[in-house]
């Protein structure tokens, strides 16, 4: 199974994670400061900035794209509950 390096810049922790992991699941395990509400992509509470490695995350769903647009989030933002790690090196921080 493919692995990825996921760095949480807010706490300076890098972890190796399996491909397919959602960022919010890993964030919760390492006590990052990415907060969440619904974990379903409905509230946008878990908005995060992708500082590096956007190409190593799954494409936003139609729902996520709509929420990002509604919250005026730029191209370097994703919802941690929706973004799945595909591989490579990724650096994120809370929005």
PDB file of N, CA and C in Angstrom:
ATOM      1  N   UNK A   1       0.847  -1.188   0.000  1.00  0.00           N
ATOM      2  CA  UNK A   1       0.000   0.000   0.000  1.00  0.00           C
ATOM      3  C   UNK A   1       0.888   1.246   0.000  1.00  0.00           C
ATOM      4  N   UNK A   2       0.510   2.228  -0.793  1.00  0.00           N
ATOM      5  CA  UNK A   2       1.266   3.475  -0.892  1.00  0.00           C
ATOM      6  C   UNK A   2       1.216   4.231   0.431  1.00  0.00           C
ATOM      7  N   UNK A   3       2.274   4.948   0.694  1.00  0.00           N
ATOM      8  CA  UNK A   3       2.381   5.754   1.910  1.00  0.00           C
ATOM      9  C   UNK A   3       2.622   7.207   1.529  1.00  0.00           C
ATOM     10  N   UNK A   4       2.389   8.103   2.470  1.00  0.00           N
ATOM     11  CA  UNK A   4       2.614   9.533   2.269  1.00  0.00           C
ATOM     12  C   UNK A   4       3.191  10.126   3.542  1.00  0.00           C
ATOM     13  N   UNK A   5       3.857  11.255   3.390  1.00  0.00           N
ATOM     14  CA  UNK A   5       4.352  12.026   4.523  1.00  0.00           C
ATOM     15  C   UNK A   5       3.415  13.217   4.690  1.00  0.00           C
ATOM     16  N   UNK A   6       2.754  13.296   5.829  1.00  0.00           N
ATOM     17  CA  UNK A   6       1.810  14.377   6.105  1.00  0.00           C
ATOM     18  C   UNK A   6       2.350  15.200   7.262  1.00  0.00           C
ATOM     19  N   UNK A   7       2.622  16.481   6.995  1.00  0.00           N
ATOM     20  CA  UNK A   7       3.164  17.382   8.008  1.00  0.00           C
ATOM     21  C   UNK A   7       2.096  18.369   8.442  1.00  0.00           C
ATOM     22  N   UNK A   8       1.939  18.504   9.754  1.00  0.00           N
ATOM     23  CA  UNK A   8       1.048  19.499  10.339  1.00  0.00           C
ATOM     24  C   UNK A   8       1.932  20.648  10.801  1.00  0.00           C
ATOM     25  N   UNK A   9       1.982  21.715  10.004  1.00  0.00           N
ATOM     26  CA  UNK A   9       2.896  22.826  10.250  1.00  0.00           C
ATOM     27  C   UNK A   9       2.615  23.534  11.571  1.00  0.00           C
ATOM     28  N   UNK A  10       1.370  23.525  12.031  1.00  0.00           N
ATOM     29  CA  UNK A  10       1.022  24.223  13.264  1.00  0.00           C
ATOM     30  C   UNK A  10       1.666  23.601  14.496  1.00  0.00           C
ATOM     31  N   UNK A  11       1.944  22.301  14.445  1.00  0.00           N
ATOM     32  CA  UNK A  11       2.546  21.642  15.606  1.00  0.00           C
ATOM     33  C   UNK A  11       3.901  21.021  15.284  1.00  0.00           C
ATOM     34  N   UNK A  12       4.340  21.158  14.035  1.00  0.00           N
ATOM     35  CA  UNK A  12       5.664  20.666  13.650  1.00  0.00           C
ATOM     36  C   UNK A  12       5.816  19.159  13.685  1.00  0.00           C
ATOM     37  N   UNK A  13       4.758  18.440  13.368  1.00  0.00           N
ATOM     38  CA  UNK A  13       4.804  16.975  13.382  1.00  0.00           C
ATOM     39  C   UNK A  13       4.597  16.441  11.970  1.00  0.00           C
ATOM     40  N   UNK A  14       5.444  15.481  11.581  1.00  0.00           N
ATOM     41  CA  UNK A  14       5.299  14.780  10.306  1.00  0.00           C
ATOM     42  C   UNK A  14       5.054  13.312  10.603  1.00  0.00           C
ATOM     43  N   UNK A  15       4.044  12.761   9.954  1.00  0.00           N
ATOM     44  CA  UNK A  15       3.714  11.349  10.143  1.00  0.00           C
ATOM     45  C   UNK A  15       3.630  10.653   8.787  1.00  0.00           C
ATOM     46  N   UNK A  16       3.930   9.366   8.784  1.00  0.00           N
ATOM     47  CA  UNK A  16       3.764   8.541   7.592  1.00  0.00           C
ATOM     48  C   UNK A  16       2.387   7.908   7.672  1.00  0.00           C
ATOM     49  N   UNK A  17       1.597   8.099   6.624  1.00  0.00           N
ATOM     50  CA  UNK A  17       0.217   7.622   6.631  1.00  0.00           C
ATOM     51  C   UNK A  17      -0.065   6.797   5.380  1.00  0.00           C
ATOM     52  N   UNK A  18      -0.999   5.853   5.463  1.00  0.00           N
ATOM     53  CA  UNK A  18      -1.360   5.075   4.269  1.00  0.00           C
ATOM     54  C   UNK A  18      -2.201   5.912   3.309  1.00  0.00           C
ATOM     55  N   UNK A  19      -2.022   5.667   2.031  1.00  0.00           N
ATOM     56  CA  UNK A  19      -2.856   6.324   1.025  1.00  0.00           C
ATOM     57  C   UNK A  19      -4.316   6.005   1.316  1.00  0.00           C
ATOM     58  N   UNK A  20      -5.179   6.976   1.099  1.00  0.00           N
ATOM     59  CA  UNK A  20      -6.600   6.807   1.362  1.00  0.00           C
ATOM     60  C   UNK A  20      -7.042   7.380   2.693  1.00  0.00           C
ATOM     61  N   UNK A  21      -6.082   7.735   3.550  1.00  0.00           N
ATOM     62  CA  UNK A  21      -6.429   8.334   4.842  1.00  0.00           C
ATOM     63  C   UNK A  21      -7.008   9.726   4.630  1.00  0.00           C
ATOM     64  N   UNK A  22      -8.010  10.070   5.412  1.00  0.00           N
ATOM     65  CA  UNK A  22      -8.517  11.443   5.391  1.00  0.00           C
ATOM     66  C   UNK A  22      -7.659  12.269   6.337  1.00  0.00           C
ATOM     67  N   UNK A  23      -7.372  13.491   5.950  1.00  0.00           N
ATOM     68  CA  UNK A  23      -6.501  14.356   6.751  1.00  0.00           C
ATOM     69  C   UNK A  23      -7.063  14.537   8.158  1.00  0.00           C
ATOM     70  N   UNK A  24      -8.376  14.675   8.306  1.00  0.00           N
ATOM     71  CA  UNK A  24      -8.962  14.910   9.627  1.00  0.00           C
ATOM     72  C   UNK A  24      -8.718  13.739  10.573  1.00  0.00           C
ATOM     73  N   UNK A  25      -8.701  12.518  10.054  1.00  0.00           N
ATOM     74  CA  UNK A  25      -8.446  11.344  10.899  1.00  0.00           C
ATOM     75  C   UNK A  25      -7.045  11.408  11.501  1.00  0.00           C
ATOM     76  N   UNK A  26      -6.079  11.777  10.679  1.00  0.00           N
ATOM     77  CA  UNK A  26      -4.697  11.862  11.145  1.00  0.00           C
ATOM     78  C   UNK A  26      -4.528  13.066  12.058  1.00  0.00           C
ATOM     79  N   UNK A  27      -5.149  14.174  11.704  1.00  0.00           N
ATOM     80  CA  UNK A  27      -5.086  15.386  12.521  1.00  0.00           C
ATOM     81  C   UNK A  27      -5.577  15.107  13.936  1.00  0.00           C
ATOM     82  N   UNK A  28      -6.651  14.377  14.032  1.00  0.00           N
ATOM     83  CA  UNK A  28      -7.227  14.026  15.328  1.00  0.00           C
ATOM     84  C   UNK A  28      -6.251  13.185  16.153  1.00  0.00           C
ATOM     85  N   UNK A  29      -5.563  12.253  15.509  1.00  0.00           N
ATOM     86  CA  UNK A  29      -4.629  11.368  16.211  1.00  0.00           C
ATOM     87  C   UNK A  29      -3.396  12.092  16.737  1.00  0.00           C
ATOM     88  N   UNK A  30      -2.941  13.130  16.020  1.00  0.00           N
ATOM     89  CA  UNK A  30      -1.715  13.831  16.437  1.00  0.00           C
ATOM     90  C   UNK A  30      -2.018  15.130  17.187  1.00  0.00           C
ATOM     91  N   UNK A  31      -3.296  15.390  17.442  1.00  0.00           N
ATOM     92  CA  UNK A  31      -3.720  16.590  18.169  1.00  0.00           C
ATOM     93  C   UNK A  31      -3.312  17.884  17.485  1.00  0.00           C
ATOM     94  N   UNK A  32      -3.473  17.913  16.176  1.00  0.00           N
ATOM     95  CA  UNK A  32      -3.259  19.148  15.426  1.00  0.00           C
ATOM     96  C   UNK A  32      -4.369  20.127  15.803  1.00  0.00           C
ATOM     97  N   UNK A  33      -4.196  21.373  15.430  1.00  0.00           N
ATOM     98  CA  UNK A  33      -5.191  22.394  15.751  1.00  0.00           C
ATOM     99  C   UNK A  33      -6.254  22.557  14.675  1.00  0.00           C
ATOM    100  N   UNK A  34      -6.366  21.585  13.770  1.00  0.00           N
ATOM    101  CA  UNK A  34      -7.451  21.613  12.789  1.00  0.00           C
ATOM    102  C   UNK A  34      -8.705  21.131  13.505  1.00  0.00           C
ATOM    103  N   UNK A  35      -9.635  22.041  13.701  1.00  0.00           N
ATOM    104  CA  UNK A  35     -10.863  21.688  14.420  1.00  0.00           C
ATOM    105  C   UNK A  35     -11.907  21.188  13.427  1.00  0.00           C
ATOM    106  N   UNK A  36     -12.940  20.556  13.925  1.00  0.00           N
ATOM    107  CA  UNK A  36     -13.994  20.041  13.059  1.00  0.00           C
ATOM    108  C   UNK A  36     -15.319  20.043  13.798  1.00  0.00           C
ATOM    109  N   UNK A  37     -16.373  19.986  13.012  1.00  0.00           N
ATOM    110  CA  UNK A  37     -17.710  19.916  13.575  1.00  0.00           C
ATOM    111  C   UNK A  37     -18.387  18.633  13.157  1.00  0.00           C
ATOM    112  N   UNK A  38     -18.759  18.562  11.894  1.00  0.00           N
ATOM    113  CA  UNK A  38     -19.593  17.456  11.425  1.00  0.00           C
ATOM    114  C   UNK A  38     -18.829  16.260  10.857  1.00  0.00           C
ATOM    115  N   UNK A  39     -17.629  16.464  10.360  1.00  0.00           N
ATOM    116  CA  UNK A  39     -16.824  15.433   9.689  1.00  0.00           C
ATOM    117  C   UNK A  39     -17.508  14.874   8.436  1.00  0.00           C
ATOM    118  N   UNK A  40     -18.498  15.588   7.930  1.00  0.00           N
ATOM    119  CA  UNK A  40     -19.268  15.138   6.768  1.00  0.00           C
ATOM    120  C   UNK A  40     -19.146  16.077   5.573  1.00  0.00           C
ATOM    121  N   UNK A  41     -18.441  17.196   5.722  1.00  0.00           N
ATOM    122  CA  UNK A  41     -18.331  18.153   4.627  1.00  0.00           C
ATOM    123  C   UNK A  41     -19.500  19.113   4.549  1.00  0.00           C
ATOM    124  N   UNK A  42     -20.225  19.287   5.658  1.00  0.00           N
ATOM    125  CA  UNK A  42     -21.385  20.179   5.665  1.00  0.00           C
ATOM    126  C   UNK A  42     -21.119  21.537   6.303  1.00  0.00           C
ATOM    127  N   UNK A  43     -20.156  21.618   7.224  1.00  0.00           N
ATOM    128  CA  UNK A  43     -20.015  22.846   8.013  1.00  0.00           C
ATOM    129  C   UNK A  43     -18.781  23.685   7.673  1.00  0.00           C
ATOM    130  N   UNK A  44     -17.789  23.105   7.044  1.00  0.00           N
ATOM    131  CA  UNK A  44     -16.536  23.788   6.666  1.00  0.00           C
ATOM    132  C   UNK A  44     -15.710  24.239   7.873  1.00  0.00           C
ATOM    133  N   UNK A  45     -15.996  23.707   9.041  1.00  0.00           N
ATOM    134  CA  UNK A  45     -15.213  24.048  10.227  1.00  0.00           C
ATOM    135  C   UNK A  45     -13.765  23.596  10.085  1.00  0.00           C
ATOM    136  N   UNK A  46     -13.533  22.509   9.380  1.00  0.00           N
ATOM    137  CA  UNK A  46     -12.191  21.922   9.266  1.00  0.00           C
ATOM    138  C   UNK A  46     -11.391  22.477   8.082  1.00  0.00           C
ATOM    139  N   UNK A  47     -11.702  23.683   7.674  1.00  0.00           N
ATOM    140  CA  UNK A  47     -10.973  24.313   6.577  1.00  0.00           C
ATOM    141  C   UNK A  47      -9.487  24.373   6.920  1.00  0.00           C
ATOM    142  N   UNK A  48      -8.663  23.960   5.983  1.00  0.00           N
ATOM    143  CA  UNK A  48      -7.211  23.965   6.197  1.00  0.00           C
ATOM    144  C   UNK A  48      -6.520  24.539   4.972  1.00  0.00           C
ATOM    145  N   UNK A  49      -5.339  25.074   5.196  1.00  0.00           N
ATOM    146  CA  UNK A  49      -4.508  25.573   4.103  1.00  0.00           C
ATOM    147  C   UNK A  49      -3.507  24.480   3.744  1.00  0.00           C
ATOM    148  N   UNK A  50      -3.429  24.155   2.468  1.00  0.00           N
ATOM    149  CA  UNK A  50      -2.454  23.180   1.984  1.00  0.00           C
ATOM    150  C   UNK A  50      -1.240  23.979   1.528  1.00  0.00           C
ATOM    151  N   UNK A  51      -0.170  23.908   2.301  1.00  0.00           N
ATOM    152  CA  UNK A  51       1.023  24.699   2.030  1.00  0.00           C
ATOM    153  C   UNK A  51       1.906  24.053   0.967  1.00  0.00           C
ATOM    154  N   UNK A  52       1.891  22.729   0.915  1.00  0.00           N
ATOM    155  CA  UNK A  52       2.650  21.975  -0.086  1.00  0.00           C
ATOM    156  C   UNK A  52       1.919  20.667  -0.364  1.00  0.00           C
ATOM    157  N   UNK A  53       2.007  20.210  -1.601  1.00  0.00           N
ATOM    158  CA  UNK A  53       1.522  18.882  -1.942  1.00  0.00           C
ATOM    159  C   UNK A  53       0.056  18.757  -2.299  1.00  0.00           C
ATOM    160  N   UNK A  54      -0.566  19.830  -2.746  1.00  0.00           N
ATOM    161  CA  UNK A  54      -1.983  19.753  -3.129  1.00  0.00           C
ATOM    162  C   UNK A  54      -2.215  18.639  -4.152  1.00  0.00           C
ATOM    163  N   UNK A  55      -1.232  18.417  -5.020  1.00  0.00           N
ATOM    164  CA  UNK A  55      -1.371  17.386  -6.058  1.00  0.00           C
ATOM    165  C   UNK A  55      -1.391  15.977  -5.481  1.00  0.00           C
ATOM    166  N   UNK A  56      -1.056  15.847  -4.194  1.00  0.00           N
ATOM    167  CA  UNK A  56      -1.048  14.537  -3.544  1.00  0.00           C
ATOM    168  C   UNK A  56      -2.314  14.281  -2.727  1.00  0.00           C
ATOM    169  N   UNK A  57      -3.318  15.144  -2.918  1.00  0.00           N
ATOM    170  CA  UNK A  57      -4.614  14.968  -2.261  1.00  0.00           C
ATOM    171  C   UNK A  57      -5.667  14.641  -3.313  1.00  0.00           C
ATOM    172  N   UNK A  58      -6.719  13.952  -2.889  1.00  0.00           N
ATOM    173  CA  UNK A  58      -7.830  13.649  -3.789  1.00  0.00           C
ATOM    174  C   UNK A  58      -8.439  14.946  -4.320  1.00  0.00           C
ATOM    175  N   UNK A  59      -9.102  14.851  -5.449  1.00  0.00           N
ATOM    176  CA  UNK A  59      -9.796  16.012  -6.011  1.00  0.00           C
ATOM    177  C   UNK A  59     -10.998  16.354  -5.127  1.00  0.00           C
ATOM    178  N   UNK A  60     -11.322  17.641  -4.982  1.00  0.00           N
ATOM    179  CA  UNK A  60     -12.511  18.008  -4.203  1.00  0.00           C
ATOM    180  C   UNK A  60     -13.785  17.477  -4.860  1.00  0.00           C
ATOM    181  N   UNK A  61     -14.699  17.013  -4.032  1.00  0.00           N
ATOM    182  CA  UNK A  61     -16.001  16.577  -4.536  1.00  0.00           C
ATOM    183  C   UNK A  61     -16.820  17.811  -4.922  1.00  0.00           C
ATOM    184  N   UNK A  62     -17.951  17.591  -5.542  1.00  0.00           N
ATOM    185  CA  UNK A  62     -18.841  18.696  -5.899  1.00  0.00           C
ATOM    186  C   UNK A  62     -19.274  19.432  -4.637  1.00  0.00           C
ATOM    187  N   UNK A  63     -19.625  18.683  -3.595  1.00  0.00           N
ATOM    188  CA  UNK A  63     -20.044  19.277  -2.323  1.00  0.00           C
ATOM    189  C   UNK A  63     -18.928  20.124  -1.723  1.00  0.00           C
ATOM    190  N   UNK A  64     -17.723  19.571  -1.664  1.00  0.00           N
ATOM    191  CA  UNK A  64     -16.605  20.315  -1.084  1.00  0.00           C
ATOM    192  C   UNK A  64     -16.311  21.564  -1.905  1.00  0.00           C
ATOM    193  N   UNK A  65     -16.312  21.450  -3.208  1.00  0.00           N
ATOM    194  CA  UNK A  65     -16.056  22.609  -4.077  1.00  0.00           C
ATOM    195  C   UNK A  65     -17.068  23.720  -3.819  1.00  0.00           C
ATOM    196  N   UNK A  66     -18.326  23.344  -3.638  1.00  0.00           N
ATOM    197  CA  UNK A  66     -19.371  24.332  -3.355  1.00  0.00           C
ATOM    198  C   UNK A  66     -19.125  25.027  -2.020  1.00  0.00           C
ATOM    199  N   UNK A  67     -18.784  24.241  -0.992  1.00  0.00           N
ATOM    200  CA  UNK A  67     -18.521  24.827   0.321  1.00  0.00           C
ATOM    201  C   UNK A  67     -17.298  25.739   0.301  1.00  0.00           C
ATOM    202  N   UNK A  68     -16.256  25.329  -0.387  1.00  0.00           N
ATOM    203  CA  UNK A  68     -15.059  26.162  -0.483  1.00  0.00           C
ATOM    204  C   UNK A  68     -15.391  27.483  -1.161  1.00  0.00           C
ATOM    205  N   UNK A  69     -16.196  27.423  -2.196  1.00  0.00           N
ATOM    206  CA  UNK A  69     -16.598  28.638  -2.910  1.00  0.00           C
ATOM    207  C   UNK A  69     -17.445  29.530  -2.006  1.00  0.00           C
ATOM    208  N   UNK A  70     -18.383  28.940  -1.272  1.00  0.00           N
ATOM    209  CA  UNK A  70     -19.249  29.702  -0.362  1.00  0.00           C
ATOM    210  C   UNK A  70     -18.451  30.404   0.732  1.00  0.00           C
ATOM    211  N   UNK A  71     -17.322  29.816   1.119  1.00  0.00           N
ATOM    212  CA  UNK A  71     -16.488  30.395   2.178  1.00  0.00           C
ATOM    213  C   UNK A  71     -15.322  31.205   1.615  1.00  0.00           C
ATOM    214  N   UNK A  72     -15.371  31.491   0.329  1.00  0.00           N
ATOM    215  CA  UNK A  72     -14.351  32.301  -0.349  1.00  0.00           C
ATOM    216  C   UNK A  72     -12.948  31.767  -0.114  1.00  0.00           C
ATOM    217  N   UNK A  73     -12.824  30.468  -0.046  1.00  0.00           N
ATOM    218  CA  UNK A  73     -11.521  29.833   0.171  1.00  0.00           C
ATOM    219  C   UNK A  73     -10.756  29.805  -1.153  1.00  0.00           C
ATOM    220  N   UNK A  74      -9.485  30.148  -1.098  1.00  0.00           N
ATOM    221  CA  UNK A  74      -8.649  30.152  -2.288  1.00  0.00           C
ATOM    222  C   UNK A  74      -8.308  28.743  -2.748  1.00  0.00           C
ATOM    223  N   UNK A  75      -7.555  28.679  -3.826  1.00  0.00           N
ATOM    224  CA  UNK A  75      -7.206  27.399  -4.449  1.00  0.00           C
ATOM    225  C   UNK A  75      -6.329  26.520  -3.565  1.00  0.00           C
ATOM    226  N   UNK A  76      -5.708  27.091  -2.538  1.00  0.00           N
ATOM    227  CA  UNK A  76      -4.824  26.314  -1.670  1.00  0.00           C
ATOM    228  C   UNK A  76      -5.498  25.896  -0.360  1.00  0.00           C
ATOM    229  N   UNK A  77      -6.830  25.883  -0.348  1.00  0.00           N
ATOM    230  CA  UNK A  77      -7.577  25.463   0.832  1.00  0.00           C
ATOM    231  C   UNK A  77      -8.396  24.219   0.519  1.00  0.00           C
ATOM    232  N   UNK A  78      -8.554  23.379   1.533  1.00  0.00           N
ATOM    233  CA  UNK A  78      -9.365  22.160   1.434  1.00  0.00           C
ATOM    234  C   UNK A  78     -10.065  21.938   2.771  1.00  0.00           C
ATOM    235  N   UNK A  79     -11.054  21.054   2.763  1.00  0.00           N
ATOM    236  CA  UNK A  79     -11.686  20.602   3.995  1.00  0.00           C
ATOM    237  C   UNK A  79     -10.956  19.342   4.440  1.00  0.00           C
ATOM    238  N   UNK A  80     -10.468  19.337   5.668  1.00  0.00           N
ATOM    239  CA  UNK A  80      -9.694  18.197   6.170  1.00  0.00           C
ATOM    240  C   UNK A  80     -10.532  16.924   6.224  1.00  0.00           C
ATOM    241  N   UNK A  81     -11.839  17.064   6.398  1.00  0.00           N
ATOM    242  CA  UNK A  81     -12.692  15.875   6.471  1.00  0.00           C
ATOM    243  C   UNK A  81     -12.942  15.253   5.104  1.00  0.00           C
ATOM    244  N   UNK A  82     -12.664  15.980   4.049  1.00  0.00           N
ATOM    245  CA  UNK A  82     -12.921  15.489   2.697  1.00  0.00           C
ATOM    246  C   UNK A  82     -11.653  15.113   1.943  1.00  0.00           C
ATOM    247  N   UNK A  83     -10.543  15.744   2.270  1.00  0.00           N
ATOM    248  CA  UNK A  83      -9.289  15.521   1.546  1.00  0.00           C
ATOM    249  C   UNK A  83      -8.667  14.186   1.939  1.00  0.00           C
ATOM    250  N   UNK A  84      -8.456  13.341   0.942  1.00  0.00           N
ATOM    251  CA  UNK A  84      -7.794  12.055   1.165  1.00  0.00           C
ATOM    252  C   UNK A  84      -6.368  12.127   0.639  1.00  0.00           C
ATOM    253  N   UNK A  85      -5.462  11.557   1.408  1.00  0.00           N
ATOM    254  CA  UNK A  85      -4.051  11.509   1.040  1.00  0.00           C
ATOM    255  C   UNK A  85      -3.852  10.440  -0.033  1.00  0.00           C
ATOM    256  N   UNK A  86      -3.141  10.797  -1.108  1.00  0.00           N
ATOM    257  CA  UNK A  86      -2.874   9.842  -2.192  1.00  0.00           C
ATOM    258  C   UNK A  86      -1.446   9.319  -2.161  1.00  0.00           C
ATOM    259  N   UNK A  87      -0.516  10.093  -1.624  1.00  0.00           N
ATOM    260  CA  UNK A  87       0.899   9.730  -1.587  1.00  0.00           C
ATOM    261  C   UNK A  87       1.738  10.992  -1.504  1.00  0.00           C
ATOM    262  N   UNK A  88       3.042  10.860  -1.650  1.00  0.00           N
ATOM    263  CA  UNK A  88       3.926  12.026  -1.680  1.00  0.00           C
ATOM    264  C   UNK A  88       4.073  12.723  -0.344  1.00  0.00           C
ATOM    265  N   UNK A  89       4.435  14.007  -0.415  1.00  0.00           N
ATOM    266  CA  UNK A  89       4.643  14.827   0.778  1.00  0.00           C
ATOM    267  C   UNK A  89       3.646  15.978   0.779  1.00  0.00           C
ATOM    268  N   UNK A  90       2.975  16.142   1.908  1.00  0.00           N
ATOM    269  CA  UNK A  90       1.920  17.140   2.045  1.00  0.00           C
ATOM    270  C   UNK A  90       2.164  17.919   3.329  1.00  0.00           C
ATOM    271  N   UNK A  91       1.988  19.236   3.265  1.00  0.00           N
ATOM    272  CA  UNK A  91       2.111  20.090   4.447  1.00  0.00           C
ATOM    273  C   UNK A  91       0.825  20.895   4.568  1.00  0.00           C
ATOM    274  N   UNK A  92       0.191  20.829   5.747  1.00  0.00           N
ATOM    275  CA  UNK A  92      -1.067  21.541   5.986  1.00  0.00           C
ATOM    276  C   UNK A  92      -0.990  22.306   7.299  1.00  0.00           C
ATOM    277  N   UNK A  93      -1.906  23.257   7.438  1.00  0.00           N
ATOM    278  CA  UNK A  93      -2.082  23.986   8.697  1.00  0.00           C
ATOM    279  C   UNK A  93      -3.535  24.426   8.788  1.00  0.00           C
ATOM    280  N   UNK A  94      -4.026  24.730   9.991  1.00  0.00           N
ATOM    281  CA  UNK A  94      -5.400  25.227  10.105  1.00  0.00           C
ATOM    282  C   UNK A  94      -5.557  26.523   9.319  1.00  0.00           C
ATOM    283  N   UNK A  95      -6.746  26.764   8.803  1.00  0.00           N
ATOM    284  CA  UNK A  95      -7.008  28.002   8.047  1.00  0.00           C
ATOM    285  C   UNK A  95      -7.062  29.188   8.990  1.00  0.00           C
TER     286      UNK A  95
END
